[in-house]
């Protein structure tokens, strides 16, 4: 399994401190979800874990080695990241997009092998896109397009998948579709998933490991039952709430009762 950790991590944008002196250990084979108020640094942490943002202090380790000592190609073979609004030519087909995921494994002028073709087909099947593989991205619904990007990440063949707000801009049905797909991939492939989510109840329902961020630091991390408390909602989101048990799956469910002034 691919191990991802951070020690004494501090992150800044344009000399403005965003994250200060945090330690992170991403549980292998689990779904970790980062939550926090707008602007708290959730996406910043995800970008740094993907080697897209260099720490101002501290280190991120991929399999025990500083991630910035790995080449970009080495990192791309170990982890895949889907940003909040990924972009590609609209006339690209779903299958063509999936083949982009094979690039880290190919030489500059290498042709696709039988193994590449098989991996792409498996990624399309896993995301239930085989019958849409020849459609262009601009002909897909929002949920289908997000599944296409996830298929590309699967074709990359990594054990670690990072996603920045994968349900943004999707209606509720498509949000659940994407989250159920990610849970299924985690369970069937034992892949480690780290994502940022805005919807707190979805985070509590789909996370194995929950990380709450406040004032540039980790407020609390652990299982949803440990982290998702009325105290955390008050301190991190400035909301009073009542936490009840979800009658469907037993996960904690937040009922907001008011803004704390």
C-alpha atoms as a PDB file:
ATOM      1  CA  UNK A   1       0.000   0.000   0.000  1.00  0.00           C
ATOM      2  CA  UNK A   2       1.066   3.586  -0.669  1.00  0.00           C
ATOM      3  CA  UNK A   3       1.744   5.538   2.528  1.00  0.00           C
ATOM      4  CA  UNK A   4       1.149   9.291   2.735  1.00  0.00           C
ATOM      5  CA  UNK A   5       2.061  11.327   5.813  1.00  0.00           C
ATOM      6  CA  UNK A   6       2.950  14.886   6.760  1.00  0.00           C
ATOM      7  CA  UNK A   7       5.036  16.181   9.667  1.00  0.00           C
ATOM      8  CA  UNK A   8       5.056  19.703  11.076  1.00  0.00           C
ATOM      9  CA  UNK A   9       3.466  20.912   7.854  1.00  0.00           C
ATOM     10  CA  UNK A  10       3.004  24.653   7.302  1.00  0.00           C
ATOM     11  CA  UNK A  11       1.575  26.103   4.088  1.00  0.00           C
ATOM     12  CA  UNK A  12       1.300  29.642   2.750  1.00  0.00           C
ATOM     13  CA  UNK A  13      -0.057  31.545  -0.231  1.00  0.00           C
ATOM     14  CA  UNK A  14       1.743  34.784  -1.165  1.00  0.00           C
ATOM     15  CA  UNK A  15       3.434  34.875   2.257  1.00  0.00           C
ATOM     16  CA  UNK A  16       0.044  34.557   4.005  1.00  0.00           C
ATOM     17  CA  UNK A  17       0.056  31.627   6.416  1.00  0.00           C
ATOM     18  CA  UNK A  18      -2.816  29.210   5.774  1.00  0.00           C
ATOM     19  CA  UNK A  19      -1.859  25.996   7.603  1.00  0.00           C
ATOM     20  CA  UNK A  20       0.461  25.902  10.621  1.00  0.00           C
ATOM     21  CA  UNK A  21       2.471  22.997  12.014  1.00  0.00           C
ATOM     22  CA  UNK A  22       0.140  20.044  11.450  1.00  0.00           C
ATOM     23  CA  UNK A  23       0.871  16.305  11.406  1.00  0.00           C
ATOM     24  CA  UNK A  24      -1.156  14.011   9.166  1.00  0.00           C
ATOM     25  CA  UNK A  25      -1.265  10.260   8.734  1.00  0.00           C
ATOM     26  CA  UNK A  26      -3.647   9.116   6.005  1.00  0.00           C
ATOM     27  CA  UNK A  27      -5.050   5.668   6.928  1.00  0.00           C
ATOM     28  CA  UNK A  28      -4.288   3.157   4.177  1.00  0.00           C
ATOM     29  CA  UNK A  29      -7.223   1.593   2.378  1.00  0.00           C
ATOM     30  CA  UNK A  30      -9.721   3.988   3.992  1.00  0.00           C
ATOM     31  CA  UNK A  31     -11.748   7.035   2.963  1.00  0.00           C
ATOM     32  CA  UNK A  32     -10.475  10.180   4.679  1.00  0.00           C
ATOM     33  CA  UNK A  33     -12.541  13.358   4.353  1.00  0.00           C
ATOM     34  CA  UNK A  34     -11.342  16.863   5.230  1.00  0.00           C
ATOM     35  CA  UNK A  35     -13.959  19.338   6.472  1.00  0.00           C
ATOM     36  CA  UNK A  36     -13.867  22.933   7.660  1.00  0.00           C
ATOM     37  CA  UNK A  37     -15.281  26.379   6.956  1.00  0.00           C
ATOM     38  CA  UNK A  38     -14.631  28.231   3.701  1.00  0.00           C
ATOM     39  CA  UNK A  39     -11.058  29.447   3.388  1.00  0.00           C
ATOM     40  CA  UNK A  40      -9.723  27.303   6.218  1.00  0.00           C
ATOM     41  CA  UNK A  41      -7.128  25.581   4.014  1.00  0.00           C
ATOM     42  CA  UNK A  42      -8.791  22.263   3.109  1.00  0.00           C
ATOM     43  CA  UNK A  43      -7.931  22.438  -0.586  1.00  0.00           C
ATOM     44  CA  UNK A  44      -4.500  23.825   0.272  1.00  0.00           C
ATOM     45  CA  UNK A  45      -3.744  20.690   2.284  1.00  0.00           C
ATOM     46  CA  UNK A  46      -4.935  18.474  -0.573  1.00  0.00           C
ATOM     47  CA  UNK A  47      -2.761  20.332  -3.102  1.00  0.00           C
ATOM     48  CA  UNK A  48       0.273  19.971  -0.876  1.00  0.00           C
ATOM     49  CA  UNK A  49      -0.358  16.228  -0.425  1.00  0.00           C
ATOM     50  CA  UNK A  50      -0.375  15.911  -4.225  1.00  0.00           C
ATOM     51  CA  UNK A  51       2.965  17.756  -4.527  1.00  0.00           C
ATOM     52  CA  UNK A  52       1.318  20.735  -6.237  1.00  0.00           C
ATOM     53  CA  UNK A  53       2.223  23.134  -3.438  1.00  0.00           C
ATOM     54  CA  UNK A  54       5.548  23.151  -1.626  1.00  0.00           C
ATOM     55  CA  UNK A  55       5.428  23.506   2.176  1.00  0.00           C
ATOM     56  CA  UNK A  56       6.865  26.620   3.787  1.00  0.00           C
ATOM     57  CA  UNK A  57       7.896  24.335   6.642  1.00  0.00           C
ATOM     58  CA  UNK A  58       7.750  20.622   7.368  1.00  0.00           C
ATOM     59  CA  UNK A  59       7.614  17.646   5.049  1.00  0.00           C
ATOM     60  CA  UNK A  60       5.216  15.358   3.196  1.00  0.00           C
ATOM     61  CA  UNK A  61       6.315  11.764   2.857  1.00  0.00           C
ATOM     62  CA  UNK A  62       5.278   9.327   0.142  1.00  0.00           C
ATOM     63  CA  UNK A  63       6.244   5.800   1.186  1.00  0.00           C
ATOM     64  CA  UNK A  64       8.684   7.256   3.711  1.00  0.00           C
ATOM     65  CA  UNK A  65      10.489   9.547   1.249  1.00  0.00           C
ATOM     66  CA  UNK A  66      10.035  13.311   0.984  1.00  0.00           C
ATOM     67  CA  UNK A  67       7.489  13.727  -1.817  1.00  0.00           C
ATOM     68  CA  UNK A  68       9.527  16.554  -3.357  1.00  0.00           C
ATOM     69  CA  UNK A  69      12.465  14.184  -3.790  1.00  0.00           C
ATOM     70  CA  UNK A  70      10.326  12.003  -6.068  1.00  0.00           C
ATOM     71  CA  UNK A  71      10.085  12.882  -9.743  1.00  0.00           C
ATOM     72  CA  UNK A  72       6.710  14.046 -11.062  1.00  0.00           C
ATOM     73  CA  UNK A  73       6.382  10.766 -12.949  1.00  0.00           C
ATOM     74  CA  UNK A  74       7.094   8.718  -9.820  1.00  0.00           C
ATOM     75  CA  UNK A  75       4.437  10.630  -7.886  1.00  0.00           C
ATOM     76  CA  UNK A  76       1.906  10.203 -10.715  1.00  0.00           C
ATOM     77  CA  UNK A  77       2.404   6.439 -10.548  1.00  0.00           C
ATOM     78  CA  UNK A  78       1.545   6.464  -6.836  1.00  0.00           C
ATOM     79  CA  UNK A  79      -1.253   9.014  -6.514  1.00  0.00           C
ATOM     80  CA  UNK A  80      -3.863  10.703  -8.684  1.00  0.00           C
ATOM     81  CA  UNK A  81      -5.570  14.013  -7.959  1.00  0.00           C
ATOM     82  CA  UNK A  82      -8.808  15.434  -9.315  1.00  0.00           C
ATOM     83  CA  UNK A  83      -9.011  19.202  -8.785  1.00  0.00           C
ATOM     84  CA  UNK A  84     -12.280  20.977  -8.124  1.00  0.00           C
ATOM     85  CA  UNK A  85     -12.872  21.967 -11.758  1.00  0.00           C
ATOM     86  CA  UNK A  86     -10.715  19.787 -14.052  1.00  0.00           C
ATOM     87  CA  UNK A  87     -10.463  20.934 -17.641  1.00  0.00           C
ATOM     88  CA  UNK A  88     -10.043  19.113 -20.934  1.00  0.00           C
ATOM     89  CA  UNK A  89     -11.057  19.789 -24.549  1.00  0.00           C
ATOM     90  CA  UNK A  90     -14.831  19.404 -24.760  1.00  0.00           C
ATOM     91  CA  UNK A  91     -14.588  17.323 -27.942  1.00  0.00           C
ATOM     92  CA  UNK A  92     -12.476  14.707 -26.141  1.00  0.00           C
ATOM     93  CA  UNK A  93     -14.258  11.385 -25.744  1.00  0.00           C
ATOM     94  CA  UNK A  94     -14.582   9.548 -22.449  1.00  0.00           C
ATOM     95  CA  UNK A  95     -12.221   6.812 -23.631  1.00  0.00           C
ATOM     96  CA  UNK A  96      -9.655   9.335 -24.874  1.00  0.00           C
ATOM     97  CA  UNK A  97      -9.747  11.039 -21.486  1.00  0.00           C
ATOM     98  CA  UNK A  98      -9.139   7.684 -19.783  1.00  0.00           C
ATOM     99  CA  UNK A  99      -6.018   7.097 -21.854  1.00  0.00           C
ATOM    100  CA  UNK A 100      -4.554  10.296 -20.417  1.00  0.00           C
ATOM    101  CA  UNK A 101      -4.338   8.362 -17.167  1.00  0.00           C
ATOM    102  CA  UNK A 102      -1.816   5.991 -18.745  1.00  0.00           C
ATOM    103  CA  UNK A 103       0.686   8.761 -19.616  1.00  0.00           C
ATOM    104  CA  UNK A 104       2.805   8.441 -16.427  1.00  0.00           C
ATOM    105  CA  UNK A 105       3.493   4.814 -17.359  1.00  0.00           C
ATOM    106  CA  UNK A 106       4.596   5.487 -20.932  1.00  0.00           C
ATOM    107  CA  UNK A 107       7.763   6.723 -22.562  1.00  0.00           C
ATOM    108  CA  UNK A 108       7.673   9.833 -24.739  1.00  0.00           C
ATOM    109  CA  UNK A 109       6.867   8.009 -27.988  1.00  0.00           C
ATOM    110  CA  UNK A 110       5.657   4.672 -26.612  1.00  0.00           C
ATOM    111  CA  UNK A 111       2.491   3.160 -27.989  1.00  0.00           C
ATOM    112  CA  UNK A 112      -0.327   1.879 -25.839  1.00  0.00           C
ATOM    113  CA  UNK A 113       0.077  -1.779 -24.936  1.00  0.00           C
ATOM    114  CA  UNK A 114      -2.488  -4.530 -24.489  1.00  0.00           C
ATOM    115  CA  UNK A 115      -2.173  -3.910 -20.741  1.00  0.00           C
ATOM    116  CA  UNK A 116      -2.993  -0.208 -21.220  1.00  0.00           C
ATOM    117  CA  UNK A 117      -6.103  -1.078 -23.234  1.00  0.00           C
ATOM    118  CA  UNK A 118      -7.221  -3.571 -20.574  1.00  0.00           C
ATOM    119  CA  UNK A 119      -6.712  -1.085 -17.731  1.00  0.00           C
ATOM    120  CA  UNK A 120      -8.727   1.578 -19.554  1.00  0.00           C
ATOM    121  CA  UNK A 121     -11.553  -0.884 -20.215  1.00  0.00           C
ATOM    122  CA  UNK A 122     -11.571  -1.912 -16.545  1.00  0.00           C
ATOM    123  CA  UNK A 123     -11.712   1.756 -15.477  1.00  0.00           C
ATOM    124  CA  UNK A 124     -14.678   2.350 -17.782  1.00  0.00           C
ATOM    125  CA  UNK A 125     -16.446  -0.734 -16.435  1.00  0.00           C
ATOM    126  CA  UNK A 126     -15.781   0.239 -12.805  1.00  0.00           C
ATOM    127  CA  UNK A 127     -17.349   3.653 -13.374  1.00  0.00           C
ATOM    128  CA  UNK A 128     -20.192   2.230 -15.514  1.00  0.00           C
ATOM    129  CA  UNK A 129     -19.155   4.252 -18.548  1.00  0.00           C
ATOM    130  CA  UNK A 130     -18.473   1.493 -21.081  1.00  0.00           C
ATOM    131  CA  UNK A 131     -21.624   2.340 -23.054  1.00  0.00           C
ATOM    132  CA  UNK A 132     -20.688   6.047 -23.044  1.00  0.00           C
ATOM    133  CA  UNK A 133     -17.005   5.622 -23.873  1.00  0.00           C
ATOM    134  CA  UNK A 134     -17.298   7.189 -27.353  1.00  0.00           C
ATOM    135  CA  UNK A 135     -19.321  10.188 -26.208  1.00  0.00           C
ATOM    136  CA  UNK A 136     -17.592  13.555 -25.953  1.00  0.00           C
ATOM    137  CA  UNK A 137     -17.324  15.261 -22.579  1.00  0.00           C
ATOM    138  CA  UNK A 138     -19.620  18.089 -23.651  1.00  0.00           C
ATOM    139  CA  UNK A 139     -22.384  15.530 -24.320  1.00  0.00           C
ATOM    140  CA  UNK A 140     -22.360  14.204 -20.744  1.00  0.00           C
ATOM    141  CA  UNK A 141     -24.341  15.215 -17.690  1.00  0.00           C
ATOM    142  CA  UNK A 142     -22.445  16.654 -14.741  1.00  0.00           C
ATOM    143  CA  UNK A 143     -22.489  13.337 -12.899  1.00  0.00           C
ATOM    144  CA  UNK A 144     -21.364  11.389 -15.963  1.00  0.00           C
ATOM    145  CA  UNK A 145     -18.539  13.846 -16.567  1.00  0.00           C
ATOM    146  CA  UNK A 146     -17.332  13.487 -12.994  1.00  0.00           C
ATOM    147  CA  UNK A 147     -17.397   9.708 -13.382  1.00  0.00           C
ATOM    148  CA  UNK A 148     -15.310  10.111 -16.544  1.00  0.00           C
ATOM    149  CA  UNK A 149     -12.653  12.031 -14.608  1.00  0.00           C
ATOM    150  CA  UNK A 150     -12.682   9.361 -11.902  1.00  0.00           C
ATOM    151  CA  UNK A 151     -12.263   6.720 -14.626  1.00  0.00           C
ATOM    152  CA  UNK A 152      -9.191   8.596 -15.880  1.00  0.00           C
ATOM    153  CA  UNK A 153      -7.769   8.597 -12.349  1.00  0.00           C
ATOM    154  CA  UNK A 154      -8.430   4.851 -12.063  1.00  0.00           C
ATOM    155  CA  UNK A 155      -6.673   4.270 -15.381  1.00  0.00           C
ATOM    156  CA  UNK A 156      -3.662   5.977 -13.845  1.00  0.00           C
ATOM    157  CA  UNK A 157      -3.358   2.809 -11.769  1.00  0.00           C
ATOM    158  CA  UNK A 158      -2.576   4.409  -8.405  1.00  0.00           C
ATOM    159  CA  UNK A 159      -3.436   3.148  -4.929  1.00  0.00           C
ATOM    160  CA  UNK A 160      -4.123   6.673  -3.676  1.00  0.00           C
ATOM    161  CA  UNK A 161      -6.819   9.015  -4.998  1.00  0.00           C
ATOM    162  CA  UNK A 162      -7.174  12.668  -3.920  1.00  0.00           C
ATOM    163  CA  UNK A 163     -10.336  14.602  -4.809  1.00  0.00           C
ATOM    164  CA  UNK A 164     -11.100  18.266  -4.190  1.00  0.00           C
ATOM    165  CA  UNK A 165     -14.852  18.698  -3.665  1.00  0.00           C
ATOM    166  CA  UNK A 166     -15.884  16.020  -6.215  1.00  0.00           C
ATOM    167  CA  UNK A 167     -19.603  16.784  -5.739  1.00  0.00           C
ATOM    168  CA  UNK A 168     -19.418  20.541  -6.422  1.00  0.00           C
ATOM    169  CA  UNK A 169     -21.968  21.767  -9.015  1.00  0.00           C
ATOM    170  CA  UNK A 170     -23.835  18.435  -8.954  1.00  0.00           C
ATOM    171  CA  UNK A 171     -27.452  17.991  -7.923  1.00  0.00           C
ATOM    172  CA  UNK A 172     -28.171  15.781  -4.935  1.00  0.00           C
ATOM    173  CA  UNK A 173     -28.806  12.600  -6.939  1.00  0.00           C
ATOM    174  CA  UNK A 174     -25.498  12.950  -8.791  1.00  0.00           C
ATOM    175  CA  UNK A 175     -23.668  13.803  -5.564  1.00  0.00           C
ATOM    176  CA  UNK A 176     -24.802  10.518  -4.044  1.00  0.00           C
ATOM    177  CA  UNK A 177     -23.980   8.685  -7.279  1.00  0.00           C
ATOM    178  CA  UNK A 178     -20.369   9.936  -7.161  1.00  0.00           C
ATOM    179  CA  UNK A 179     -19.939   9.248  -3.437  1.00  0.00           C
ATOM    180  CA  UNK A 180     -21.385   5.735  -3.761  1.00  0.00           C
ATOM    181  CA  UNK A 181     -19.000   5.109  -6.656  1.00  0.00           C
ATOM    182  CA  UNK A 182     -16.024   6.226  -4.565  1.00  0.00           C
ATOM    183  CA  UNK A 183     -17.126   4.043  -1.649  1.00  0.00           C
ATOM    184  CA  UNK A 184     -17.487   1.061  -3.994  1.00  0.00           C
ATOM    185  CA  UNK A 185     -14.014   1.656  -5.466  1.00  0.00           C
ATOM    186  CA  UNK A 186     -12.552   1.898  -1.991  1.00  0.00           C
ATOM    187  CA  UNK A 187     -14.158  -1.371  -0.912  1.00  0.00           C
ATOM    188  CA  UNK A 188     -13.523  -3.369  -4.094  1.00  0.00           C
ATOM    189  CA  UNK A 189     -10.020  -2.099  -4.892  1.00  0.00           C
ATOM    190  CA  UNK A 190      -8.845  -1.274  -1.364  1.00  0.00           C
ATOM    191  CA  UNK A 191      -7.665   2.106  -2.665  1.00  0.00           C
ATOM    192  CA  UNK A 192      -6.956   4.950  -0.257  1.00  0.00           C
ATOM    193  CA  UNK A 193      -9.178   7.975  -0.891  1.00  0.00           C
ATOM    194  CA  UNK A 194      -8.702  11.479   0.487  1.00  0.00           C
ATOM    195  CA  UNK A 195     -11.245  14.147  -0.368  1.00  0.00           C
ATOM    196  CA  UNK A 196     -12.521  17.562   0.610  1.00  0.00           C
ATOM    197  CA  UNK A 197     -16.292  17.859   1.085  1.00  0.00           C
ATOM    198  CA  UNK A 198     -18.524  20.790   1.978  1.00  0.00           C
ATOM    199  CA  UNK A 199     -21.623  18.813   2.926  1.00  0.00           C
ATOM    200  CA  UNK A 200     -21.089  17.817   6.558  1.00  0.00           C
ATOM    201  CA  UNK A 201     -23.658  15.048   6.692  1.00  0.00           C
ATOM    202  CA  UNK A 202     -22.291  13.452   3.546  1.00  0.00           C
ATOM    203  CA  UNK A 203     -18.800  13.666   5.055  1.00  0.00           C
ATOM    204  CA  UNK A 204     -19.979  11.947   8.236  1.00  0.00           C
ATOM    205  CA  UNK A 205     -21.754   9.251   6.236  1.00  0.00           C
ATOM    206  CA  UNK A 206     -18.987   8.351   3.788  1.00  0.00           C
ATOM    207  CA  UNK A 207     -15.808   8.897   5.827  1.00  0.00           C
ATOM    208  CA  UNK A 208     -13.892   6.213   7.665  1.00  0.00           C
ATOM    209  CA  UNK A 209     -11.560   8.929   8.931  1.00  0.00           C
ATOM    210  CA  UNK A 210     -12.685  12.534   9.403  1.00  0.00           C
ATOM    211  CA  UNK A 211     -10.293  15.503   9.661  1.00  0.00           C
ATOM    212  CA  UNK A 212     -11.695  18.846  10.826  1.00  0.00           C
ATOM    213  CA  UNK A 213      -9.659  22.010  10.168  1.00  0.00           C
ATOM    214  CA  UNK A 214      -9.954  25.284  12.074  1.00  0.00           C
ATOM    215  CA  UNK A 215      -7.705  28.340  12.316  1.00  0.00           C
ATOM    216  CA  UNK A 216      -4.997  26.744  10.215  1.00  0.00           C
ATOM    217  CA  UNK A 217      -4.714  23.623  12.362  1.00  0.00           C
ATOM    218  CA  UNK A 218      -6.334  20.248  12.875  1.00  0.00           C
ATOM    219  CA  UNK A 219      -9.178  20.698  15.324  1.00  0.00           C
ATOM    220  CA  UNK A 220      -9.806  16.970  15.654  1.00  0.00           C
ATOM    221  CA  UNK A 221      -9.444  13.801  13.586  1.00  0.00           C
ATOM    222  CA  UNK A 222     -10.693  10.256  13.969  1.00  0.00           C
ATOM    223  CA  UNK A 223     -13.825   8.277  13.169  1.00  0.00           C
ATOM    224  CA  UNK A 224     -17.021  10.250  12.429  1.00  0.00           C
ATOM    225  CA  UNK A 225     -18.386   9.188  15.823  1.00  0.00           C
ATOM    226  CA  UNK A 226     -15.325  10.721  17.501  1.00  0.00           C
ATOM    227  CA  UNK A 227     -15.121  13.922  15.454  1.00  0.00           C
ATOM    228  CA  UNK A 228     -18.669  14.780  14.456  1.00  0.00           C
ATOM    229  CA  UNK A 229     -19.922  16.366  17.668  1.00  0.00           C
ATOM    230  CA  UNK A 230     -21.998  19.403  18.587  1.00  0.00           C
ATOM    231  CA  UNK A 231     -18.847  20.920  20.098  1.00  0.00           C
ATOM    232  CA  UNK A 232     -16.919  20.532  16.824  1.00  0.00           C
ATOM    233  CA  UNK A 233     -19.774  22.017  14.786  1.00  0.00           C
ATOM    234  CA  UNK A 234     -19.880  24.983  17.173  1.00  0.00           C
ATOM    235  CA  UNK A 235     -16.137  25.627  17.261  1.00  0.00           C
ATOM    236  CA  UNK A 236     -15.317  24.973  13.590  1.00  0.00           C
ATOM    237  CA  UNK A 237     -18.459  26.245  11.833  1.00  0.00           C
ATOM    238  CA  UNK A 238     -19.869  28.693  14.381  1.00  0.00           C
ATOM    239  CA  UNK A 239     -23.166  26.828  14.394  1.00  0.00           C
ATOM    240  CA  UNK A 240     -25.305  25.488  17.190  1.00  0.00           C
ATOM    241  CA  UNK A 241     -26.670  22.070  16.319  1.00  0.00           C
ATOM    242  CA  UNK A 242     -28.142  18.822  17.477  1.00  0.00           C
ATOM    243  CA  UNK A 243     -26.388  15.587  16.465  1.00  0.00           C
ATOM    244  CA  UNK A 244     -28.645  12.581  16.033  1.00  0.00           C
ATOM    245  CA  UNK A 245     -28.102   9.087  14.671  1.00  0.00           C
ATOM    246  CA  UNK A 246     -28.850   8.640  10.983  1.00  0.00           C
ATOM    247  CA  UNK A 247     -31.744   6.128  10.926  1.00  0.00           C
ATOM    248  CA  UNK A 248     -30.455   4.576   7.684  1.00  0.00           C
ATOM    249  CA  UNK A 249     -26.851   3.682   8.549  1.00  0.00           C
ATOM    250  CA  UNK A 250     -26.235   4.885  12.111  1.00  0.00           C
ATOM    251  CA  UNK A 251     -23.780   7.628  11.113  1.00  0.00           C
ATOM    252  CA  UNK A 252     -23.953  10.953  13.006  1.00  0.00           C
ATOM    253  CA  UNK A 253     -26.364  13.457  11.465  1.00  0.00           C
ATOM    254  CA  UNK A 254     -26.187  17.215  12.073  1.00  0.00           C
ATOM    255  CA  UNK A 255     -29.351  19.268  12.517  1.00  0.00           C
ATOM    256  CA  UNK A 256     -28.306  22.961  12.537  1.00  0.00           C
ATOM    257  CA  UNK A 257     -30.277  25.053  15.015  1.00  0.00           C
ATOM    258  CA  UNK A 258     -28.735  28.510  14.552  1.00  0.00           C
ATOM    259  CA  UNK A 259     -25.731  30.691  13.903  1.00  0.00           C
ATOM    260  CA  UNK A 260     -23.723  31.589  16.977  1.00  0.00           C
ATOM    261  CA  UNK A 261     -23.269  35.357  17.264  1.00  0.00           C
END
